[in-house]
Amino acid sequence: MLSICKILEAVGEAAQSFVSQIVEAVRTVFEGDPETRRQVAFSVAVIALSAKMAKADGVVTQAEVSAFQEIFEIPQSEAKNVSKLYNLAKQDVAGYDVYARRLSGLCSSVVSNCALLEDVMDGLYHIAKADGVIHEHENVMLQHIGEIFGLDEERLAQIAARHVHPEGLDPFVVLGVTKSTPFDEIKRRYRELAKKSHPDNLRARGVPDEFMRIAGDRMAKLNLAFEAIERLQVRA
């Protein structure tokens, strides 16, 4: 979180052009330190887009604040810096789509494995659902951000299915397969997704350690999905 202070020093107080300044700051402030740069890129993406999402439904609930704090364990000494970053993003005249596009471009130029963008989506869903419901405006925004990130319809459906399942978890959607997919292929798919969600791979993408709680929830949903399909195979 000390990195947030450096970013704020680089962008100054001008919220009007905040999106351009902060992306350039991430790109340049940590030049020569790719690991820190990846972590800051992730943090900035979730903080800024969370601010825009809070603005989308017009209210920030305590549950959303708590969900945000689950992703970022903010030291008391850095609380003001993170709050300032959040508020600057919220006040910026640029829409969330501008943020998403710039951050997507930053990912492609800074991070070799842009599965990072799917990690950002998980963080945003985690915050959006914290008050017990994903509002229509939030859902539209999440879908649009995913499209801007280059996630196809199937991938977006998988991410959403891990977080939103009012009629019960759909194991086939969660794993991105169909009922007619051969079980060996389903098993292969599950193992690929599990490997991608391993803490070591997440850290390599720049995801902070605090996020591992959400990554654990992702892994739990993958396990539940595979086990459900496996039980169906036994009964068949």
C-alpha atoms as a PDB file:
ATOM      1  CA  MET A   1       0.000   0.000   0.000  1.00  0.00           C
ATOM      2  CA  LEU A   2       2.999   2.324   0.287  1.00  0.00           C
ATOM      3  CA  SER A   3       2.922   2.263  -3.518  1.00  0.00           C
ATOM      4  CA  ILE A   4      -0.397   4.121  -3.463  1.00  0.00           C
ATOM      5  CA  CYS A   5       1.341   7.068  -1.824  1.00  0.00           C
ATOM      6  CA  LYS A   6       3.877   7.193  -4.680  1.00  0.00           C
ATOM      7  CA  ILE A   7       1.061   7.141  -7.230  1.00  0.00           C
ATOM      8  CA  LEU A   8      -0.729  10.021  -5.507  1.00  0.00           C
ATOM      9  CA  GLU A   9       2.465  12.058  -5.445  1.00  0.00           C
ATOM     10  CA  ALA A  10       2.810  11.476  -9.186  1.00  0.00           C
ATOM     11  CA  VAL A  11      -0.761  12.368 -10.188  1.00  0.00           C
ATOM     12  CA  GLY A  12      -1.304  15.327  -7.880  1.00  0.00           C
ATOM     13  CA  GLU A  13      -4.745  16.725  -7.075  1.00  0.00           C
ATOM     14  CA  ALA A  14      -6.322  17.116 -10.525  1.00  0.00           C
ATOM     15  CA  ALA A  15      -9.298  14.774 -10.574  1.00  0.00           C
ATOM     16  CA  GLN A  16     -10.399  16.110 -13.959  1.00  0.00           C
ATOM     17  CA  SER A  17      -7.603  14.250 -15.770  1.00  0.00           C
ATOM     18  CA  PHE A  18      -7.065  11.614 -13.129  1.00  0.00           C
ATOM     19  CA  VAL A  19      -7.516   8.572 -15.359  1.00  0.00           C
ATOM     20  CA  SER A  20      -4.786   9.609 -17.798  1.00  0.00           C
ATOM     21  CA  GLN A  21      -2.393  10.642 -15.054  1.00  0.00           C
ATOM     22  CA  ILE A  22      -2.761   7.555 -12.922  1.00  0.00           C
ATOM     23  CA  VAL A  23      -2.270   5.098 -15.773  1.00  0.00           C
ATOM     24  CA  GLU A  24       0.853   6.939 -16.870  1.00  0.00           C
ATOM     25  CA  ALA A  25       2.061   7.054 -13.260  1.00  0.00           C
ATOM     26  CA  VAL A  26       1.729   3.292 -12.879  1.00  0.00           C
ATOM     27  CA  ARG A  27       3.582   2.878 -16.147  1.00  0.00           C
ATOM     28  CA  THR A  28       6.514   5.103 -15.177  1.00  0.00           C
ATOM     29  CA  VAL A  29       6.835   5.357 -11.369  1.00  0.00           C
ATOM     30  CA  PHE A  30       7.718   1.682 -11.008  1.00  0.00           C
ATOM     31  CA  GLU A  31       9.796   1.306 -14.151  1.00  0.00           C
ATOM     32  CA  GLY A  32      12.398  -1.374 -13.532  1.00  0.00           C
ATOM     33  CA  ASP A  33      10.262  -3.008 -10.850  1.00  0.00           C
ATOM     34  CA  PRO A  34       7.747  -5.150 -12.795  1.00  0.00           C
ATOM     35  CA  GLU A  35       6.514  -7.081  -9.749  1.00  0.00           C
ATOM     36  CA  THR A  36       5.500  -3.915  -7.865  1.00  0.00           C
ATOM     37  CA  ARG A  37       4.094  -2.455 -11.073  1.00  0.00           C
ATOM     38  CA  ARG A  38       1.846  -5.503 -11.552  1.00  0.00           C
ATOM     39  CA  GLN A  39       0.603  -5.244  -7.970  1.00  0.00           C
ATOM     40  CA  VAL A  40      -0.099  -1.532  -8.316  1.00  0.00           C
ATOM     41  CA  ALA A  41      -1.883  -2.073 -11.650  1.00  0.00           C
ATOM     42  CA  PHE A  42      -4.217  -4.569  -9.970  1.00  0.00           C
ATOM     43  CA  SER A  43      -4.792  -2.365  -6.925  1.00  0.00           C
ATOM     44  CA  VAL A  44      -5.481   0.745  -8.991  1.00  0.00           C
ATOM     45  CA  ALA A  45      -7.898  -1.156 -11.233  1.00  0.00           C
ATOM     46  CA  VAL A  46      -9.974  -2.492  -8.342  1.00  0.00           C
ATOM     47  CA  ILE A  47      -9.920   0.760  -6.334  1.00  0.00           C
ATOM     48  CA  ALA A  48     -10.810   3.011  -9.283  1.00  0.00           C
ATOM     49  CA  LEU A  49     -13.452   0.756 -10.805  1.00  0.00           C
ATOM     50  CA  SER A  50     -14.954   0.065  -7.365  1.00  0.00           C
ATOM     51  CA  ALA A  51     -15.371   3.802  -6.944  1.00  0.00           C
ATOM     52  CA  LYS A  52     -17.129   4.035 -10.287  1.00  0.00           C
ATOM     53  CA  MET A  53     -19.320   1.054  -9.431  1.00  0.00           C
ATOM     54  CA  ALA A  54     -20.314   2.631  -6.115  1.00  0.00           C
ATOM     55  CA  LYS A  55     -21.345   5.705  -8.060  1.00  0.00           C
ATOM     56  CA  ALA A  56     -23.368   3.527 -10.466  1.00  0.00           C
ATOM     57  CA  ASP A  57     -25.964   2.452  -7.881  1.00  0.00           C
ATOM     58  CA  GLY A  58     -25.755   5.757  -6.031  1.00  0.00           C
ATOM     59  CA  VAL A  59     -24.893   4.436  -2.580  1.00  0.00           C
ATOM     60  CA  VAL A  60     -21.902   2.937  -0.795  1.00  0.00           C
ATOM     61  CA  THR A  61     -23.033   0.469   1.875  1.00  0.00           C
ATOM     62  CA  GLN A  62     -21.040  -0.689   4.883  1.00  0.00           C
ATOM     63  CA  ALA A  63     -21.127  -4.196   3.393  1.00  0.00           C
ATOM     64  CA  GLU A  64     -19.389  -2.904   0.254  1.00  0.00           C
ATOM     65  CA  VAL A  65     -16.795  -1.115   2.388  1.00  0.00           C
ATOM     66  CA  SER A  66     -16.167  -4.344   4.321  1.00  0.00           C
ATOM     67  CA  ALA A  67     -15.873  -6.317   1.074  1.00  0.00           C
ATOM     68  CA  PHE A  68     -13.372  -3.771  -0.207  1.00  0.00           C
ATOM     69  CA  GLN A  69     -11.351  -4.116   3.003  1.00  0.00           C
ATOM     70  CA  GLU A  70     -11.284  -7.894   2.534  1.00  0.00           C
ATOM     71  CA  ILE A  71      -9.380  -7.354  -0.706  1.00  0.00           C
ATOM     72  CA  PHE A  72      -7.104  -4.664   0.678  1.00  0.00           C
ATOM     73  CA  GLU A  73      -5.854  -4.951   4.239  1.00  0.00           C
ATOM     74  CA  ILE A  74      -5.128  -1.264   4.576  1.00  0.00           C
ATOM     75  CA  PRO A  75      -2.651  -0.189   7.281  1.00  0.00           C
ATOM     76  CA  GLN A  76      -4.006   2.686   9.344  1.00  0.00           C
ATOM     77  CA  SER A  77      -1.111   4.840   8.152  1.00  0.00           C
ATOM     78  CA  GLU A  78      -2.224   4.377   4.518  1.00  0.00           C
ATOM     79  CA  ALA A  79      -5.997   4.632   5.003  1.00  0.00           C
ATOM     80  CA  LYS A  80      -6.050   8.308   4.015  1.00  0.00           C
ATOM     81  CA  ASN A  81      -4.073   7.672   0.823  1.00  0.00           C
ATOM     82  CA  VAL A  82      -6.381   4.872  -0.310  1.00  0.00           C
ATOM     83  CA  SER A  83      -9.458   6.951   0.562  1.00  0.00           C
ATOM     84  CA  LYS A  84      -8.029   9.853  -1.428  1.00  0.00           C
ATOM     85  CA  LEU A  85      -7.368   7.643  -4.442  1.00  0.00           C
ATOM     86  CA  TYR A  86     -10.900   6.222  -4.225  1.00  0.00           C
ATOM     87  CA  ASN A  87     -12.475   9.687  -4.012  1.00  0.00           C
ATOM     88  CA  LEU A  88     -10.412  11.110  -6.870  1.00  0.00           C
ATOM     89  CA  ALA A  89     -11.546   8.245  -9.086  1.00  0.00           C
ATOM     90  CA  LYS A  90     -15.156   8.751  -8.018  1.00  0.00           C
ATOM     91  CA  GLN A  91     -15.004  12.488  -8.791  1.00  0.00           C
ATOM     92  CA  ASP A  92     -13.249  12.121 -12.128  1.00  0.00           C
ATOM     93  CA  VAL A  93     -15.428  13.222 -15.034  1.00  0.00           C
ATOM     94  CA  ALA A  94     -14.211  10.225 -17.039  1.00  0.00           C
ATOM     95  CA  GLY A  95     -16.662   7.323 -17.064  1.00  0.00           C
ATOM     96  CA  TYR A  96     -15.869   3.815 -15.874  1.00  0.00           C
ATOM     97  CA  ASP A  97     -15.505   2.715 -19.503  1.00  0.00           C
ATOM     98  CA  VAL A  98     -12.575   5.091 -19.954  1.00  0.00           C
ATOM     99  CA  TYR A  99     -10.920   3.615 -16.854  1.00  0.00           C
ATOM    100  CA  ALA A 100     -11.527   0.077 -18.059  1.00  0.00           C
ATOM    101  CA  ARG A 101     -10.041   0.765 -21.503  1.00  0.00           C
ATOM    102  CA  ARG A 102      -6.961   2.486 -20.147  1.00  0.00           C
ATOM    103  CA  LEU A 103      -6.388  -0.203 -17.541  1.00  0.00           C
ATOM    104  CA  SER A 104      -6.903  -2.914 -20.128  1.00  0.00           C
ATOM    105  CA  GLY A 105      -4.252  -1.255 -22.287  1.00  0.00           C
ATOM    106  CA  LEU A 106      -1.959  -0.993 -19.269  1.00  0.00           C
ATOM    107  CA  CYS A 107      -2.381  -4.693 -18.627  1.00  0.00           C
ATOM    108  CA  SER A 108      -1.437  -5.647 -22.169  1.00  0.00           C
ATOM    109  CA  SER A 109       1.669  -3.474 -22.069  1.00  0.00           C
ATOM    110  CA  VAL A 110       2.804  -4.266 -18.517  1.00  0.00           C
ATOM    111  CA  VAL A 111       1.504  -7.713 -17.631  1.00  0.00           C
ATOM    112  CA  SER A 112       2.411 -10.654 -19.810  1.00  0.00           C
ATOM    113  CA  ASN A 113      -0.475 -12.795 -18.569  1.00  0.00           C
ATOM    114  CA  CYS A 114      -3.662 -10.768 -18.670  1.00  0.00           C
ATOM    115  CA  ALA A 115      -5.618 -13.266 -16.673  1.00  0.00           C
ATOM    116  CA  LEU A 116      -5.082 -10.353 -14.262  1.00  0.00           C
ATOM    117  CA  LEU A 117      -8.154  -8.745 -15.803  1.00  0.00           C
ATOM    118  CA  GLU A 118     -10.290 -11.723 -14.815  1.00  0.00           C
ATOM    119  CA  ASP A 119      -8.893 -11.337 -11.282  1.00  0.00           C
ATOM    120  CA  VAL A 120     -10.038  -7.707 -11.340  1.00  0.00           C
ATOM    121  CA  MET A 121     -13.516  -8.860 -12.404  1.00  0.00           C
ATOM    122  CA  ASP A 122     -13.645 -11.280  -9.450  1.00  0.00           C
ATOM    123  CA  GLY A 123     -12.771  -8.413  -7.115  1.00  0.00           C
ATOM    124  CA  LEU A 124     -15.483  -6.187  -8.588  1.00  0.00           C
ATOM    125  CA  TYR A 125     -18.120  -8.923  -8.338  1.00  0.00           C
ATOM    126  CA  HIS A 126     -17.087  -9.558  -4.733  1.00  0.00           C
ATOM    127  CA  ILE A 127     -17.728  -5.913  -3.858  1.00  0.00           C
ATOM    128  CA  ALA A 128     -20.914  -5.573  -5.938  1.00  0.00           C
ATOM    129  CA  LYS A 129     -22.624  -8.568  -4.313  1.00  0.00           C
ATOM    130  CA  ALA A 130     -21.606  -7.603  -0.757  1.00  0.00           C
ATOM    131  CA  ASP A 131     -24.938  -5.915   0.026  1.00  0.00           C
ATOM    132  CA  GLY A 132     -26.827  -9.056  -0.966  1.00  0.00           C
ATOM    133  CA  VAL A 133     -27.816  -8.056  -4.468  1.00  0.00           C
ATOM    134  CA  ILE A 134     -26.123  -6.945  -7.674  1.00  0.00           C
ATOM    135  CA  HIS A 135     -28.152  -3.964  -8.843  1.00  0.00           C
ATOM    136  CA  GLU A 136     -29.129  -3.577 -12.481  1.00  0.00           C
ATOM    137  CA  HIS A 137     -26.738  -0.669 -13.020  1.00  0.00           C
ATOM    138  CA  GLU A 138     -23.908  -2.641 -11.434  1.00  0.00           C
ATOM    139  CA  ASN A 139     -24.650  -5.698 -13.577  1.00  0.00           C
ATOM    140  CA  VAL A 140     -24.655  -3.653 -16.786  1.00  0.00           C
ATOM    141  CA  MET A 141     -21.406  -2.035 -15.748  1.00  0.00           C
ATOM    142  CA  LEU A 142     -19.746  -5.349 -14.860  1.00  0.00           C
ATOM    143  CA  GLN A 143     -20.737  -6.893 -18.183  1.00  0.00           C
ATOM    144  CA  HIS A 144     -19.467  -3.860 -20.088  1.00  0.00           C
ATOM    145  CA  ILE A 145     -16.160  -3.817 -18.205  1.00  0.00           C
ATOM    146  CA  GLY A 146     -15.705  -7.495 -19.029  1.00  0.00           C
ATOM    147  CA  GLU A 147     -16.304  -6.790 -22.711  1.00  0.00           C
ATOM    148  CA  ILE A 148     -13.811  -3.918 -22.643  1.00  0.00           C
ATOM    149  CA  PHE A 149     -11.315  -6.279 -21.006  1.00  0.00           C
ATOM    150  CA  GLY A 150     -11.713  -8.565 -24.019  1.00  0.00           C
ATOM    151  CA  LEU A 151     -13.445 -11.358 -22.124  1.00  0.00           C
ATOM    152  CA  ASP A 152     -15.770 -13.260 -24.432  1.00  0.00           C
ATOM    153  CA  GLU A 153     -19.387 -14.110 -23.646  1.00  0.00           C
ATOM    154  CA  GLU A 154     -18.524 -17.591 -22.359  1.00  0.00           C
ATOM    155  CA  ARG A 155     -15.807 -16.316 -20.024  1.00  0.00           C
ATOM    156  CA  LEU A 156     -18.077 -13.576 -18.681  1.00  0.00           C
ATOM    157  CA  ALA A 157     -20.796 -16.151 -18.031  1.00  0.00           C
ATOM    158  CA  GLN A 158     -18.303 -18.306 -16.098  1.00  0.00           C
ATOM    159  CA  ILE A 159     -17.219 -15.406 -13.902  1.00  0.00           C
ATOM    160  CA  ALA A 160     -20.791 -14.306 -13.230  1.00  0.00           C
ATOM    161  CA  ALA A 161     -21.871 -17.889 -12.451  1.00  0.00           C
ATOM    162  CA  ARG A 162     -19.270 -18.104  -9.666  1.00  0.00           C
ATOM    163  CA  HIS A 163     -20.800 -15.079  -7.947  1.00  0.00           C
ATOM    164  CA  VAL A 164     -24.465 -14.940  -8.936  1.00  0.00           C
ATOM    165  CA  HIS A 165     -26.495 -18.128  -8.658  1.00  0.00           C
ATOM    166  CA  PRO A 166     -30.004 -17.436  -7.264  1.00  0.00           C
ATOM    167  CA  GLU A 167     -31.271 -20.778  -8.606  1.00  0.00           C
ATOM    168  CA  GLY A 168     -28.221 -22.724  -7.469  1.00  0.00           C
ATOM    169  CA  LEU A 169     -24.726 -23.104  -8.849  1.00  0.00           C
ATOM    170  CA  ASP A 170     -24.716 -24.253 -12.481  1.00  0.00           C
ATOM    171  CA  PRO A 171     -21.608 -26.491 -12.597  1.00  0.00           C
ATOM    172  CA  PHE A 172     -21.468 -26.602 -16.385  1.00  0.00           C
ATOM    173  CA  VAL A 173     -21.449 -22.810 -16.765  1.00  0.00           C
ATOM    174  CA  VAL A 174     -18.880 -22.412 -13.967  1.00  0.00           C
ATOM    175  CA  LEU A 175     -16.461 -24.745 -15.784  1.00  0.00           C
ATOM    176  CA  GLY A 176     -17.333 -23.442 -19.248  1.00  0.00           C
ATOM    177  CA  VAL A 177     -18.543 -26.803 -20.557  1.00  0.00           C
ATOM    178  CA  THR A 178     -21.868 -28.329 -21.611  1.00  0.00           C
ATOM    179  CA  LYS A 179     -23.801 -31.412 -20.595  1.00  0.00           C
ATOM    180  CA  SER A 180     -22.624 -33.120 -23.778  1.00  0.00           C
ATOM    181  CA  THR A 181     -18.921 -32.421 -23.143  1.00  0.00           C
ATOM    182  CA  PRO A 182     -17.011 -35.709 -22.583  1.00  0.00           C
ATOM    183  CA  PHE A 183     -16.070 -36.172 -18.926  1.00  0.00           C
ATOM    184  CA  ASP A 184     -12.338 -36.477 -19.713  1.00  0.00           C
ATOM    185  CA  GLU A 185     -12.493 -33.052 -21.340  1.00  0.00           C
ATOM    186  CA  ILE A 186     -14.394 -31.653 -18.359  1.00  0.00           C
ATOM    187  CA  LYS A 187     -11.716 -33.012 -16.034  1.00  0.00           C
ATOM    188  CA  ARG A 188      -9.017 -31.422 -18.192  1.00  0.00           C
ATOM    189  CA  ARG A 189     -10.862 -28.112 -18.135  1.00  0.00           C
ATOM    190  CA  TYR A 190     -11.244 -28.234 -14.358  1.00  0.00           C
ATOM    191  CA  ARG A 191      -7.530 -28.887 -13.880  1.00  0.00           C
ATOM    192  CA  GLU A 192      -6.611 -25.974 -16.163  1.00  0.00           C
ATOM    193  CA  LEU A 193      -8.848 -23.596 -14.218  1.00  0.00           C
ATOM    194  CA  ALA A 194      -7.552 -24.910 -10.884  1.00  0.00           C
ATOM    195  CA  LYS A 195      -3.956 -24.363 -11.968  1.00  0.00           C
ATOM    196  CA  LYS A 196      -4.769 -20.844 -13.132  1.00  0.00           C
ATOM    197  CA  SER A 197      -6.291 -20.134  -9.712  1.00  0.00           C
ATOM    198  CA  HIS A 198      -3.307 -21.433  -7.729  1.00  0.00           C
ATOM    199  CA  PRO A 199      -1.906 -18.795  -5.314  1.00  0.00           C
ATOM    200  CA  ASP A 200       1.551 -18.910  -6.940  1.00  0.00           C
ATOM    201  CA  ASN A 201       0.081 -18.067 -10.343  1.00  0.00           C
ATOM    202  CA  LEU A 202      -2.084 -15.329  -8.871  1.00  0.00           C
ATOM    203  CA  ARG A 203       0.910 -13.718  -7.171  1.00  0.00           C
ATOM    204  CA  ALA A 204       2.874 -13.909 -10.429  1.00  0.00           C
ATOM    205  CA  ARG A 205       0.080 -11.905 -12.082  1.00  0.00           C
ATOM    206  CA  GLY A 206       0.420  -9.180  -9.448  1.00  0.00           C
ATOM    207  CA  VAL A 207      -2.548 -10.077  -7.264  1.00  0.00           C
ATOM    208  CA  PRO A 208      -1.896  -8.968  -3.655  1.00  0.00           C
ATOM    209  CA  ASP A 209      -1.919 -11.575  -0.880  1.00  0.00           C
ATOM    210  CA  GLU A 210      -5.104 -10.139   0.610  1.00  0.00           C
ATOM    211  CA  PHE A 211      -6.972 -11.156  -2.544  1.00  0.00           C
ATOM    212  CA  MET A 212      -6.239 -14.831  -1.862  1.00  0.00           C
ATOM    213  CA  ARG A 213      -9.421 -15.037   0.210  1.00  0.00           C
ATOM    214  CA  ILE A 214     -11.453 -14.321  -2.924  1.00  0.00           C
ATOM    215  CA  ALA A 215      -9.242 -16.643  -4.945  1.00  0.00           C
ATOM    216  CA  GLY A 216     -10.063 -19.316  -2.376  1.00  0.00           C
ATOM    217  CA  ASP A 217     -13.764 -18.721  -2.995  1.00  0.00           C
ATOM    218  CA  ARG A 218     -13.155 -19.085  -6.730  1.00  0.00           C
ATOM    219  CA  MET A 219     -11.383 -22.395  -6.152  1.00  0.00           C
ATOM    220  CA  ALA A 220     -14.205 -23.579  -3.893  1.00  0.00           C
ATOM    221  CA  LYS A 221     -16.752 -22.886  -6.643  1.00  0.00           C
ATOM    222  CA  LEU A 222     -14.625 -24.769  -9.178  1.00  0.00           C
ATOM    223  CA  ASN A 223     -14.401 -27.727  -6.797  1.00  0.00           C
ATOM    224  CA  LEU A 224     -18.143 -27.720  -6.164  1.00  0.00           C
ATOM    225  CA  ALA A 225     -18.837 -27.582  -9.891  1.00  0.00           C
ATOM    226  CA  PHE A 226     -16.521 -30.474 -10.713  1.00  0.00           C
ATOM    227  CA  GLU A 227     -17.817 -32.601  -7.834  1.00  0.00           C
ATOM    228  CA  ALA A 228     -21.407 -32.011  -8.954  1.00  0.00           C
ATOM    229  CA  ILE A 229     -20.631 -33.121 -12.503  1.00  0.00           C
ATOM    230  CA  GLU A 230     -18.652 -36.064 -11.202  1.00  0.00           C
ATOM    231  CA  ARG A 231     -21.684 -37.219  -9.171  1.00  0.00           C
ATOM    232  CA  LEU A 232     -23.842 -36.987 -12.282  1.00  0.00           C
ATOM    233  CA  GLN A 233     -21.353 -39.214 -14.106  1.00  0.00           C
ATOM    234  CA  VAL A 234     -21.542 -41.844 -11.344  1.00  0.00           C
ATOM    235  CA  ARG A 235     -25.341 -41.906 -11.516  1.00  0.00           C
ATOM    236  CA  ALA A 236     -25.391 -42.179 -15.324  1.00  0.00           C
END
